[in-house]
Amino acid sequence: MAVYTEVAPSDADALLRRLGLGALTDLRGIRSGIENTNYYATTAQGQWVLTLFERLPREQLPYYLELMRHLAAHGIPVPAPQADEQGSLVHLLSGKPAAVVTRLPGSHRLAPGALHAEQVGAMLARMHRAGADFPLHQPHLRGLSWWLETVPEVLPHVPAEVAELLQSELEFQRHLAGSPAGAALPRGPIHADLFRDNVMFDETAGEDRLCGFFDFYFAGTDTLLFDVAVCLNDWCIDHASGRLVEELAVPFLAAYQGERLLTPAELRLLPALLRAAAFRFWLSRLWDWFLPRDAALLQPKDPTHFERVLRERIDNPWHPPL
């Protein structure tokens, strides 16, 4: 979420008024993230997030926005997309497709404990169950097909030992995805990017309470276990070493299984999907690092973190003690 496209307050005001959300009183660019242009917009009626989509074509956007609407209807705390008079959730602003969604309350927990991991695990499983009857289908756009396209673009920019790991892991994941076991893993809509900064907690009642998942713009249809692995690799690790912290990972998985039992095949393949999740974010950070786009508030993330995580997952595969 950087600012690639500058939005005039008058244009944002006109869109918000057209959606029946009132007159704009404040508009602020959001620094975090790297894919879309995002602003916090405030009116007398509430607080909103205004997103302009920089890479995603208009025809792909209904999947993400309808998924959020579907999940909200099933009790999952997600931002609510705002429709115009014709019922469309996709709008046009500054020449780009755009969306306006409710801004979630609460704040991030960037140093989570077991309480936070448990709540994320349980809500992720509830989200997977709620998505089971979602009627739309769209491939996970940062999945294997994107990896196959992107590794060759990155290879010329990295040293030999990094290139070797990229190529060997890509081959490992390609083989896994094409295997009967990999192809048989349960599938459905996944968030695919449920990091600590995409979850909100509220402490007004005393104890931290999960109050929202957001930023669904990497979502797609893929293996549910990939979502689990993404969370384990962010919510349940020691950042300095990249190793999984069992005091966080075990409560996370136990809470997930309290809502949706992992199949024996999922438990068996979890170490391989932990590698897949690390590989995906390492590759995307390499791509953004070496092939950046201009943005007013762009802050590319260091790719070496997920290289470290991937090497740790290869050297020390984790099998949950459940």
C-alpha atoms as a PDB file:
ATOM      1  CA  MET A   1       0.000   0.000   0.000  1.00  0.00           C
ATOM      2  CA  ALA A   2       2.064   2.879  -1.317  1.00  0.00           C
ATOM      3  CA  VAL A   3       1.000   6.046  -3.162  1.00  0.00           C
ATOM      4  CA  TYR A   4       1.621   5.651  -6.889  1.00  0.00           C
ATOM      5  CA  THR A   5      -1.280   7.812  -8.034  1.00  0.00           C
ATOM      6  CA  GLU A   6      -1.854  11.193  -6.390  1.00  0.00           C
ATOM      7  CA  VAL A   7      -5.564  11.758  -5.771  1.00  0.00           C
ATOM      8  CA  ALA A   8      -6.922  15.283  -5.561  1.00  0.00           C
ATOM      9  CA  PRO A   9      -9.123  15.784  -2.480  1.00  0.00           C
ATOM     10  CA  SER A  10     -11.851  17.182  -4.718  1.00  0.00           C
ATOM     11  CA  ASP A  11     -11.921  13.945  -6.754  1.00  0.00           C
ATOM     12  CA  ALA A  12     -12.039  11.791  -3.638  1.00  0.00           C
ATOM     13  CA  ASP A  13     -14.815  13.995  -2.267  1.00  0.00           C
ATOM     14  CA  ALA A  14     -16.863  13.562  -5.429  1.00  0.00           C
ATOM     15  CA  LEU A  15     -16.539   9.753  -5.255  1.00  0.00           C
ATOM     16  CA  LEU A  16     -17.475   9.577  -1.590  1.00  0.00           C
ATOM     17  CA  ARG A  17     -20.493  11.789  -2.137  1.00  0.00           C
ATOM     18  CA  ARG A  18     -21.564   9.624  -5.085  1.00  0.00           C
ATOM     19  CA  LEU A  19     -21.435   6.568  -2.818  1.00  0.00           C
ATOM     20  CA  GLY A  20     -23.616   8.338  -0.265  1.00  0.00           C
ATOM     21  CA  LEU A  21     -20.812   8.491   2.314  1.00  0.00           C
ATOM     22  CA  GLY A  22     -20.834  12.242   2.867  1.00  0.00           C
ATOM     23  CA  ALA A  23     -18.354  15.041   2.250  1.00  0.00           C
ATOM     24  CA  LEU A  24     -14.611  14.435   2.603  1.00  0.00           C
ATOM     25  CA  THR A  25     -13.046  16.018   5.693  1.00  0.00           C
ATOM     26  CA  ASP A  26      -9.578  14.395   5.588  1.00  0.00           C
ATOM     27  CA  LEU A  27      -7.482  12.423   3.092  1.00  0.00           C
ATOM     28  CA  ARG A  28      -4.133  10.833   3.991  1.00  0.00           C
ATOM     29  CA  GLY A  29      -1.847   8.534   1.989  1.00  0.00           C
ATOM     30  CA  ILE A  30      -0.930   5.168   3.561  1.00  0.00           C
ATOM     31  CA  ARG A  31       2.764   4.298   3.568  1.00  0.00           C
ATOM     32  CA  SER A  32       2.736   0.565   4.308  1.00  0.00           C
ATOM     33  CA  GLY A  33       2.664  -2.043   1.542  1.00  0.00           C
ATOM     34  CA  ILE A  34       3.776  -1.947  -2.067  1.00  0.00           C
ATOM     35  CA  GLU A  35       0.997  -3.009  -4.463  1.00  0.00           C
ATOM     36  CA  ASN A  36      -1.789  -0.408  -4.630  1.00  0.00           C
ATOM     37  CA  THR A  37      -2.384   3.261  -3.908  1.00  0.00           C
ATOM     38  CA  ASN A  38      -4.210   3.609  -0.590  1.00  0.00           C
ATOM     39  CA  TYR A  39      -5.636   6.528   1.345  1.00  0.00           C
ATOM     40  CA  TYR A  40      -7.471   6.924   4.613  1.00  0.00           C
ATOM     41  CA  ALA A  41     -10.562   9.007   3.884  1.00  0.00           C
ATOM     42  CA  THR A  42     -12.757  10.552   6.577  1.00  0.00           C
ATOM     43  CA  THR A  43     -16.288  11.915   6.332  1.00  0.00           C
ATOM     44  CA  ALA A  44     -18.861  12.835   8.946  1.00  0.00           C
ATOM     45  CA  GLN A  45     -20.367   9.369   8.405  1.00  0.00           C
ATOM     46  CA  GLY A  46     -17.223   7.396   9.170  1.00  0.00           C
ATOM     47  CA  GLN A  47     -13.711   6.382   8.184  1.00  0.00           C
ATOM     48  CA  TRP A  48     -12.927   4.625   4.944  1.00  0.00           C
ATOM     49  CA  VAL A  49     -10.028   3.156   2.995  1.00  0.00           C
ATOM     50  CA  LEU A  50      -9.814   4.316  -0.608  1.00  0.00           C
ATOM     51  CA  THR A  51      -7.808   1.998  -2.868  1.00  0.00           C
ATOM     52  CA  LEU A  52      -6.669   2.606  -6.443  1.00  0.00           C
ATOM     53  CA  PHE A  53      -5.515  -0.594  -8.154  1.00  0.00           C
ATOM     54  CA  GLU A  54      -2.213  -0.142  -9.954  1.00  0.00           C
ATOM     55  CA  ARG A  55      -1.605  -3.628 -11.347  1.00  0.00           C
ATOM     56  CA  LEU A  56      -4.874  -5.515 -11.100  1.00  0.00           C
ATOM     57  CA  PRO A  57      -7.197  -5.137 -14.096  1.00  0.00           C
ATOM     58  CA  ARG A  58     -10.772  -4.092 -13.486  1.00  0.00           C
ATOM     59  CA  GLU A  59     -12.196  -7.497 -14.460  1.00  0.00           C
ATOM     60  CA  GLN A  60     -10.353  -9.232 -11.600  1.00  0.00           C
ATOM     61  CA  LEU A  61     -11.555  -6.892  -8.860  1.00  0.00           C
ATOM     62  CA  PRO A  62     -15.096  -8.262  -8.345  1.00  0.00           C
ATOM     63  CA  TYR A  63     -13.572 -11.493  -6.983  1.00  0.00           C
ATOM     64  CA  TYR A  64     -11.841  -9.715  -4.089  1.00  0.00           C
ATOM     65  CA  LEU A  65     -14.671  -7.341  -3.291  1.00  0.00           C
ATOM     66  CA  GLU A  66     -17.418  -9.957  -3.558  1.00  0.00           C
ATOM     67  CA  LEU A  67     -15.328 -12.292  -1.394  1.00  0.00           C
ATOM     68  CA  MET A  68     -15.171  -9.637   1.317  1.00  0.00           C
ATOM     69  CA  ARG A  69     -18.916  -9.097   1.057  1.00  0.00           C
ATOM     70  CA  HIS A  70     -19.513 -12.872   1.241  1.00  0.00           C
ATOM     71  CA  LEU A  71     -17.264 -13.325   4.274  1.00  0.00           C
ATOM     72  CA  ALA A  72     -18.858 -10.401   6.093  1.00  0.00           C
ATOM     73  CA  ALA A  73     -22.273 -11.970   5.535  1.00  0.00           C
ATOM     74  CA  HIS A  74     -20.932 -15.127   7.208  1.00  0.00           C
ATOM     75  CA  GLY A  75     -19.736 -13.285  10.310  1.00  0.00           C
ATOM     76  CA  ILE A  76     -16.061 -12.841   9.411  1.00  0.00           C
ATOM     77  CA  PRO A  77     -14.835  -9.352  10.440  1.00  0.00           C
ATOM     78  CA  VAL A  78     -13.621  -7.864   7.152  1.00  0.00           C
ATOM     79  CA  PRO A  79     -13.922  -4.415   5.507  1.00  0.00           C
ATOM     80  CA  ALA A  80     -17.269  -3.813   3.826  1.00  0.00           C
ATOM     81  CA  PRO A  81     -17.019  -2.650   0.175  1.00  0.00           C
ATOM     82  CA  GLN A  82     -19.255   0.312  -0.675  1.00  0.00           C
ATOM     83  CA  ALA A  83     -21.501   0.077  -3.738  1.00  0.00           C
ATOM     84  CA  ASP A  84     -22.755   2.864  -5.982  1.00  0.00           C
ATOM     85  CA  GLU A  85     -26.379   3.363  -7.026  1.00  0.00           C
ATOM     86  CA  GLN A  86     -26.013   0.680  -9.684  1.00  0.00           C
ATOM     87  CA  GLY A  87     -24.702  -1.818  -7.151  1.00  0.00           C
ATOM     88  CA  SER A  88     -21.140  -1.805  -8.482  1.00  0.00           C
ATOM     89  CA  LEU A  89     -18.292  -2.243  -6.002  1.00  0.00           C
ATOM     90  CA  VAL A  90     -15.649  -1.176  -8.550  1.00  0.00           C
ATOM     91  CA  HIS A  91     -15.359   2.560  -9.249  1.00  0.00           C
ATOM     92  CA  LEU A  92     -13.147   4.831 -11.355  1.00  0.00           C
ATOM     93  CA  LEU A  93     -10.873   7.484  -9.855  1.00  0.00           C
ATOM     94  CA  SER A  94      -7.940   9.350 -11.422  1.00  0.00           C
ATOM     95  CA  GLY A  95      -8.146   7.003 -14.392  1.00  0.00           C
ATOM     96  CA  LYS A  96      -7.726   3.875 -12.216  1.00  0.00           C
ATOM     97  CA  PRO A  97     -10.186   1.266 -10.965  1.00  0.00           C
ATOM     98  CA  ALA A  98     -10.907   1.939  -7.309  1.00  0.00           C
ATOM     99  CA  ALA A  99     -12.767   0.661  -4.265  1.00  0.00           C
ATOM    100  CA  VAL A 100     -13.941   2.184  -1.013  1.00  0.00           C
ATOM    101  CA  VAL A 101     -14.230  -0.035   2.053  1.00  0.00           C
ATOM    102  CA  THR A 102     -14.921   0.550   5.735  1.00  0.00           C
ATOM    103  CA  ARG A 103     -11.866   1.180   7.887  1.00  0.00           C
ATOM    104  CA  LEU A 104     -11.582  -1.444  10.605  1.00  0.00           C
ATOM    105  CA  PRO A 105     -11.216  -0.420  14.249  1.00  0.00           C
ATOM    106  CA  GLY A 106      -8.286  -1.471  16.403  1.00  0.00           C
ATOM    107  CA  SER A 107      -4.561  -1.682  15.779  1.00  0.00           C
ATOM    108  CA  HIS A 108      -1.834  -4.150  14.821  1.00  0.00           C
ATOM    109  CA  ARG A 109       0.001  -6.478  17.188  1.00  0.00           C
ATOM    110  CA  LEU A 110       3.485  -6.583  15.721  1.00  0.00           C
ATOM    111  CA  ALA A 111       4.908  -8.598  18.627  1.00  0.00           C
ATOM    112  CA  PRO A 112       2.150 -11.208  19.039  1.00  0.00           C
ATOM    113  CA  GLY A 113       1.793 -13.689  21.856  1.00  0.00           C
ATOM    114  CA  ALA A 114      -0.017 -17.001  22.075  1.00  0.00           C
ATOM    115  CA  LEU A 115      -3.366 -15.238  22.661  1.00  0.00           C
ATOM    116  CA  HIS A 116      -3.041 -13.432  19.328  1.00  0.00           C
ATOM    117  CA  ALA A 117      -1.839 -16.533  17.458  1.00  0.00           C
ATOM    118  CA  GLU A 118      -4.789 -18.547  18.780  1.00  0.00           C
ATOM    119  CA  GLN A 119      -7.313 -15.950  17.643  1.00  0.00           C
ATOM    120  CA  VAL A 120      -5.775 -15.668  14.183  1.00  0.00           C
ATOM    121  CA  GLY A 121      -5.739 -19.446  13.803  1.00  0.00           C
ATOM    122  CA  ALA A 122      -9.366 -19.813  14.822  1.00  0.00           C
ATOM    123  CA  MET A 123     -10.571 -16.938  12.623  1.00  0.00           C
ATOM    124  CA  LEU A 124      -8.564 -18.179   9.636  1.00  0.00           C
ATOM    125  CA  ALA A 125     -10.266 -21.572   9.915  1.00  0.00           C
ATOM    126  CA  ARG A 126     -13.664 -19.893  10.221  1.00  0.00           C
ATOM    127  CA  MET A 127     -12.837 -17.860   7.116  1.00  0.00           C
ATOM    128  CA  HIS A 128     -11.926 -21.031   5.208  1.00  0.00           C
ATOM    129  CA  ARG A 129     -15.194 -22.664   6.244  1.00  0.00           C
ATOM    130  CA  ALA A 130     -17.169 -19.547   5.301  1.00  0.00           C
ATOM    131  CA  GLY A 131     -15.533 -19.469   1.878  1.00  0.00           C
ATOM    132  CA  ALA A 132     -16.528 -23.030   1.060  1.00  0.00           C
ATOM    133  CA  ASP A 133     -19.700 -21.917  -0.745  1.00  0.00           C
ATOM    134  CA  PHE A 134     -18.298 -18.741  -2.315  1.00  0.00           C
ATOM    135  CA  PRO A 135     -19.417 -19.047  -5.965  1.00  0.00           C
ATOM    136  CA  LEU A 136     -16.656 -17.112  -7.748  1.00  0.00           C
ATOM    137  CA  HIS A 137     -13.323 -18.638  -8.760  1.00  0.00           C
ATOM    138  CA  GLN A 138     -10.076 -16.836  -9.542  1.00  0.00           C
ATOM    139  CA  PRO A 139      -6.557 -18.284  -9.470  1.00  0.00           C
ATOM    140  CA  HIS A 140      -4.165 -17.161  -6.763  1.00  0.00           C
ATOM    141  CA  LEU A 141      -2.228 -14.650  -8.851  1.00  0.00           C
ATOM    142  CA  ARG A 142       0.988 -14.979  -6.805  1.00  0.00           C
ATOM    143  CA  GLY A 143       0.959 -18.763  -6.971  1.00  0.00           C
ATOM    144  CA  LEU A 144       3.030 -21.230  -8.980  1.00  0.00           C
ATOM    145  CA  SER A 145       2.311 -19.710 -12.400  1.00  0.00           C
ATOM    146  CA  TRP A 146       3.617 -16.340 -11.208  1.00  0.00           C
ATOM    147  CA  TRP A 147       6.689 -17.994  -9.671  1.00  0.00           C
ATOM    148  CA  LEU A 148       7.497 -19.676 -12.995  1.00  0.00           C
ATOM    149  CA  GLU A 149       7.231 -16.326 -14.793  1.00  0.00           C
ATOM    150  CA  THR A 150       9.086 -14.241 -12.219  1.00  0.00           C
ATOM    151  CA  VAL A 151      12.119 -16.335 -11.279  1.00  0.00           C
ATOM    152  CA  PRO A 152      13.729 -15.797 -14.734  1.00  0.00           C
ATOM    153  CA  GLU A 153      13.250 -12.015 -14.347  1.00  0.00           C
ATOM    154  CA  VAL A 154      15.011 -11.978 -10.975  1.00  0.00           C
ATOM    155  CA  LEU A 155      17.883 -14.381 -11.741  1.00  0.00           C
ATOM    156  CA  PRO A 156      20.093 -11.827 -13.594  1.00  0.00           C
ATOM    157  CA  HIS A 157      20.131  -9.585 -10.501  1.00  0.00           C
ATOM    158  CA  VAL A 158      21.207 -12.080  -7.823  1.00  0.00           C
ATOM    159  CA  PRO A 159      24.500 -13.860  -6.987  1.00  0.00           C
ATOM    160  CA  ALA A 160      25.069 -17.482  -7.973  1.00  0.00           C
ATOM    161  CA  GLU A 161      24.201 -19.054  -4.620  1.00  0.00           C
ATOM    162  CA  VAL A 162      20.905 -17.160  -4.481  1.00  0.00           C
ATOM    163  CA  ALA A 163      20.094 -18.120  -8.072  1.00  0.00           C
ATOM    164  CA  GLU A 164      20.766 -21.757  -7.240  1.00  0.00           C
ATOM    165  CA  LEU A 165      18.332 -21.696  -4.318  1.00  0.00           C
ATOM    166  CA  LEU A 166      15.655 -19.925  -6.364  1.00  0.00           C
ATOM    167  CA  GLN A 167      15.874 -22.505  -9.118  1.00  0.00           C
ATOM    168  CA  SER A 168      16.041 -25.562  -6.865  1.00  0.00           C
ATOM    169  CA  GLU A 169      13.109 -24.451  -4.717  1.00  0.00           C
ATOM    170  CA  LEU A 170      11.042 -23.557  -7.764  1.00  0.00           C
ATOM    171  CA  GLU A 171      11.599 -27.068  -9.101  1.00  0.00           C
ATOM    172  CA  PHE A 172      10.693 -28.592  -5.723  1.00  0.00           C
ATOM    173  CA  GLN A 173       7.437 -26.618  -5.574  1.00  0.00           C
ATOM    174  CA  ARG A 174       6.588 -27.343  -9.206  1.00  0.00           C
ATOM    175  CA  HIS A 175       7.002 -31.056  -8.567  1.00  0.00           C
ATOM    176  CA  LEU A 176       4.921 -30.875  -5.377  1.00  0.00           C
ATOM    177  CA  ALA A 177       2.057 -29.020  -7.077  1.00  0.00           C
ATOM    178  CA  GLY A 178       1.991 -31.577  -9.887  1.00  0.00           C
ATOM    179  CA  SER A 179       2.033 -34.589  -7.586  1.00  0.00           C
ATOM    180  CA  PRO A 180      -1.182 -36.462  -6.711  1.00  0.00           C
ATOM    181  CA  ALA A 181      -0.766 -35.532  -3.044  1.00  0.00           C
ATOM    182  CA  GLY A 182      -0.269 -31.849  -3.797  1.00  0.00           C
ATOM    183  CA  ALA A 183      -3.145 -31.723  -6.265  1.00  0.00           C
ATOM    184  CA  ALA A 184      -5.499 -33.381  -3.760  1.00  0.00           C
ATOM    185  CA  LEU A 185      -5.030 -30.824  -0.972  1.00  0.00           C
ATOM    186  CA  PRO A 186      -8.282 -29.060   0.038  1.00  0.00           C
ATOM    187  CA  ARG A 187      -8.772 -25.855  -1.903  1.00  0.00           C
ATOM    188  CA  GLY A 188     -10.884 -22.743  -1.648  1.00  0.00           C
ATOM    189  CA  PRO A 189     -10.634 -18.945  -1.341  1.00  0.00           C
ATOM    190  CA  ILE A 190      -7.538 -17.939   0.627  1.00  0.00           C
ATOM    191  CA  HIS A 191      -6.346 -14.575   1.891  1.00  0.00           C
ATOM    192  CA  ALA A 192      -2.739 -15.408   0.876  1.00  0.00           C
ATOM    193  CA  ASP A 193      -1.192 -12.409   2.697  1.00  0.00           C
ATOM    194  CA  LEU A 194      -2.429 -12.554   6.288  1.00  0.00           C
ATOM    195  CA  PHE A 195       0.588 -10.943   7.942  1.00  0.00           C
ATOM    196  CA  ARG A 196       0.594  -9.154  11.295  1.00  0.00           C
ATOM    197  CA  ASP A 197      -0.106  -5.825   9.607  1.00  0.00           C
ATOM    198  CA  ASN A 198      -3.264  -7.177   7.936  1.00  0.00           C
ATOM    199  CA  VAL A 199      -5.017  -8.051  11.204  1.00  0.00           C
ATOM    200  CA  MET A 200      -6.532  -5.707  13.779  1.00  0.00           C
ATOM    201  CA  PHE A 201      -7.032  -6.204  17.511  1.00  0.00           C
ATOM    202  CA  ASP A 202      -9.037  -4.139  19.960  1.00  0.00           C
ATOM    203  CA  GLU A 203      -8.387  -3.918  23.709  1.00  0.00           C
ATOM    204  CA  THR A 204     -11.308  -1.764  24.851  1.00  0.00           C
ATOM    205  CA  ALA A 205     -12.860  -4.724  26.689  1.00  0.00           C
ATOM    206  CA  GLY A 206      -9.579  -5.420  28.512  1.00  0.00           C
ATOM    207  CA  GLU A 207      -8.048  -8.444  26.792  1.00  0.00           C
ATOM    208  CA  ASP A 208      -6.968  -8.119  23.155  1.00  0.00           C
ATOM    209  CA  ARG A 209      -9.756  -9.240  20.820  1.00  0.00           C
ATOM    210  CA  LEU A 210      -9.331  -9.868  17.099  1.00  0.00           C
ATOM    211  CA  CYS A 211     -11.582  -7.422  15.270  1.00  0.00           C
ATOM    212  CA  GLY A 212     -10.643  -7.723  11.620  1.00  0.00           C
ATOM    213  CA  PHE A 213      -8.817  -9.227   8.654  1.00  0.00           C
ATOM    214  CA  PHE A 214      -8.170  -6.864   5.738  1.00  0.00           C
ATOM    215  CA  ASP A 215      -6.253  -6.340   2.462  1.00  0.00           C
ATOM    216  CA  PHE A 216      -7.716  -9.204   0.431  1.00  0.00           C
ATOM    217  CA  TYR A 217      -6.162  -8.070  -2.843  1.00  0.00           C
ATOM    218  CA  PHE A 218      -3.842 -11.081  -3.089  1.00  0.00           C
ATOM    219  CA  ALA A 219      -6.713 -13.503  -2.442  1.00  0.00           C
ATOM    220  CA  GLY A 220      -7.479 -16.339  -4.812  1.00  0.00           C
ATOM    221  CA  THR A 221      -8.455 -19.958  -5.073  1.00  0.00           C
ATOM    222  CA  ASP A 222      -5.611 -22.164  -3.849  1.00  0.00           C
ATOM    223  CA  THR A 223      -4.754 -24.743  -1.215  1.00  0.00           C
ATOM    224  CA  LEU A 224      -6.071 -23.766   2.205  1.00  0.00           C
ATOM    225  CA  LEU A 225      -2.842 -25.053   3.716  1.00  0.00           C
ATOM    226  CA  PHE A 226      -0.907 -22.290   1.947  1.00  0.00           C
ATOM    227  CA  ASP A 227      -2.844 -19.740   4.026  1.00  0.00           C
ATOM    228  CA  VAL A 228      -1.968 -21.645   7.192  1.00  0.00           C
ATOM    229  CA  ALA A 229       1.710 -21.671   6.187  1.00  0.00           C
ATOM    230  CA  VAL A 230       1.761 -17.936   5.442  1.00  0.00           C
ATOM    231  CA  CYS A 231       0.454 -17.240   8.945  1.00  0.00           C
ATOM    232  CA  LEU A 232       2.850 -19.626  10.655  1.00  0.00           C
ATOM    233  CA  ASN A 233       5.771 -17.997   8.826  1.00  0.00           C
ATOM    234  CA  ASP A 234       4.831 -14.547  10.120  1.00  0.00           C
ATOM    235  CA  TRP A 235       2.858 -14.875  13.344  1.00  0.00           C
ATOM    236  CA  CYS A 236       4.841 -17.726  14.890  1.00  0.00           C
ATOM    237  CA  ILE A 237       8.526 -17.132  14.175  1.00  0.00           C
ATOM    238  CA  ASP A 238      11.673 -15.704  15.676  1.00  0.00           C
ATOM    239  CA  HIS A 239      12.533 -12.932  13.234  1.00  0.00           C
ATOM    240  CA  ALA A 240      16.245 -12.974  13.937  1.00  0.00           C
ATOM    241  CA  SER A 241      16.682 -16.640  12.967  1.00  0.00           C
ATOM    242  CA  GLY A 242      13.524 -17.395  10.989  1.00  0.00           C
ATOM    243  CA  ARG A 243      12.800 -20.494  13.087  1.00  0.00           C
ATOM    244  CA  LEU A 244       9.253 -21.374  14.101  1.00  0.00           C
ATOM    245  CA  VAL A 245       8.455 -20.753  17.764  1.00  0.00           C
ATOM    246  CA  GLU A 246       6.438 -23.720  18.987  1.00  0.00           C
ATOM    247  CA  GLU A 247       4.983 -21.721  21.879  1.00  0.00           C
ATOM    248  CA  LEU A 248       3.150 -19.724  19.185  1.00  0.00           C
ATOM    249  CA  ALA A 249       2.825 -22.254  16.362  1.00  0.00           C
ATOM    250  CA  VAL A 250       1.220 -25.010  18.450  1.00  0.00           C
ATOM    251  CA  PRO A 251      -1.564 -22.753  19.870  1.00  0.00           C
ATOM    252  CA  PHE A 252      -2.153 -21.317  16.398  1.00  0.00           C
ATOM    253  CA  LEU A 253      -2.656 -24.773  14.842  1.00  0.00           C
ATOM    254  CA  ALA A 254      -4.671 -26.079  17.782  1.00  0.00           C
ATOM    255  CA  ALA A 255      -7.066 -23.127  17.464  1.00  0.00           C
ATOM    256  CA  TYR A 256      -7.299 -23.627  13.701  1.00  0.00           C
ATOM    257  CA  GLN A 257      -8.089 -27.302  14.206  1.00  0.00           C
ATOM    258  CA  GLY A 258     -10.748 -26.385  16.733  1.00  0.00           C
ATOM    259  CA  GLU A 259     -12.671 -24.828  13.825  1.00  0.00           C
ATOM    260  CA  ARG A 260     -11.485 -26.937  10.873  1.00  0.00           C
ATOM    261  CA  LEU A 261      -9.540 -30.195  11.164  1.00  0.00           C
ATOM    262  CA  LEU A 262      -6.522 -30.486   8.913  1.00  0.00           C
ATOM    263  CA  THR A 263      -6.511 -33.696   6.884  1.00  0.00           C
ATOM    264  CA  PRO A 264      -3.715 -36.248   7.387  1.00  0.00           C
ATOM    265  CA  ALA A 265      -2.327 -35.192   3.984  1.00  0.00           C
ATOM    266  CA  GLU A 266      -2.281 -31.537   5.038  1.00  0.00           C
ATOM    267  CA  LEU A 267      -0.400 -32.357   8.224  1.00  0.00           C
ATOM    268  CA  ARG A 268       2.085 -34.433   6.247  1.00  0.00           C
ATOM    269  CA  LEU A 269       2.688 -31.718   3.650  1.00  0.00           C
ATOM    270  CA  LEU A 270       2.810 -28.766   6.031  1.00  0.00           C
ATOM    271  CA  PRO A 271       6.652 -28.605   5.977  1.00  0.00           C
ATOM    272  CA  ALA A 272       6.587 -28.341   2.169  1.00  0.00           C
ATOM    273  CA  LEU A 273       3.904 -25.611   2.236  1.00  0.00           C
ATOM    274  CA  LEU A 274       5.896 -23.682   4.819  1.00  0.00           C
ATOM    275  CA  ARG A 275       8.678 -23.672   2.240  1.00  0.00           C
ATOM    276  CA  ALA A 276       6.208 -22.566  -0.456  1.00  0.00           C
ATOM    277  CA  ALA A 277       4.974 -19.646   1.626  1.00  0.00           C
ATOM    278  CA  ALA A 278       8.522 -18.508   2.400  1.00  0.00           C
ATOM    279  CA  PHE A 279       9.501 -18.837  -1.257  1.00  0.00           C
ATOM    280  CA  ARG A 280       6.535 -16.786  -2.478  1.00  0.00           C
ATOM    281  CA  PHE A 281       7.356 -13.786  -0.287  1.00  0.00           C
ATOM    282  CA  TRP A 282      11.088 -14.035  -0.854  1.00  0.00           C
ATOM    283  CA  LEU A 283      10.507 -13.981  -4.603  1.00  0.00           C
ATOM    284  CA  SER A 284       8.069 -11.072  -4.506  1.00  0.00           C
ATOM    285  CA  ARG A 285      10.428  -9.030  -2.340  1.00  0.00           C
ATOM    286  CA  LEU A 286      13.330  -9.746  -4.695  1.00  0.00           C
ATOM    287  CA  TRP A 287      11.146  -8.622  -7.585  1.00  0.00           C
ATOM    288  CA  ASP A 288      10.150  -5.394  -5.833  1.00  0.00           C
ATOM    289  CA  TRP A 289      13.744  -4.782  -4.712  1.00  0.00           C
ATOM    290  CA  PHE A 290      15.414  -5.188  -8.091  1.00  0.00           C
ATOM    291  CA  LEU A 291      12.541  -4.153 -10.394  1.00  0.00           C
ATOM    292  CA  PRO A 292      10.812  -1.372  -8.408  1.00  0.00           C
ATOM    293  CA  ARG A 293       8.104   0.986  -9.545  1.00  0.00           C
ATOM    294  CA  ASP A 294       8.025   4.699  -8.781  1.00  0.00           C
ATOM    295  CA  ALA A 295       5.789   5.619  -5.842  1.00  0.00           C
ATOM    296  CA  ALA A 296       5.495   8.698  -3.690  1.00  0.00           C
ATOM    297  CA  LEU A 297       5.686   6.697  -0.451  1.00  0.00           C
ATOM    298  CA  LEU A 298       7.185   3.385  -1.592  1.00  0.00           C
ATOM    299  CA  GLN A 299       9.257   1.460   0.938  1.00  0.00           C
ATOM    300  CA  PRO A 300      10.456  -1.871  -0.556  1.00  0.00           C
ATOM    301  CA  LYS A 301      10.911  -4.630   2.013  1.00  0.00           C
ATOM    302  CA  ASP A 302      14.206  -6.428   2.586  1.00  0.00           C
ATOM    303  CA  PRO A 303      14.121  -9.783   0.748  1.00  0.00           C
ATOM    304  CA  THR A 304      16.809 -11.400   2.910  1.00  0.00           C
ATOM    305  CA  HIS A 305      14.316 -12.040   5.724  1.00  0.00           C
ATOM    306  CA  PHE A 306      12.371 -14.589   3.706  1.00  0.00           C
ATOM    307  CA  GLU A 307      15.518 -16.088   2.226  1.00  0.00           C
ATOM    308  CA  ARG A 308      16.522 -16.803   5.834  1.00  0.00           C
ATOM    309  CA  VAL A 309      13.071 -18.258   6.582  1.00  0.00           C
ATOM    310  CA  LEU A 310      13.187 -20.498   3.508  1.00  0.00           C
ATOM    311  CA  ARG A 311      16.638 -21.842   4.334  1.00  0.00           C
ATOM    312  CA  GLU A 312      15.458 -22.552   7.886  1.00  0.00           C
ATOM    313  CA  ARG A 313      12.377 -24.428   6.594  1.00  0.00           C
ATOM    314  CA  ILE A 314      14.559 -26.537   4.301  1.00  0.00           C
ATOM    315  CA  ASP A 315      17.167 -27.316   6.961  1.00  0.00           C
ATOM    316  CA  ASN A 316      14.707 -27.860   9.829  1.00  0.00           C
ATOM    317  CA  PRO A 317      11.325 -29.025   8.516  1.00  0.00           C
ATOM    318  CA  TRP A 318       8.632 -28.552  11.153  1.00  0.00           C
ATOM    319  CA  HIS A 319       6.121 -31.304  11.905  1.00  0.00           C
ATOM    320  CA  PRO A 320       3.519 -30.128  14.413  1.00  0.00           C
ATOM    321  CA  PRO A 321       3.353 -32.152  17.638  1.00  0.00           C
ATOM    322  CA  LEU A 322      -0.431 -32.531  17.479  1.00  0.00           C
END
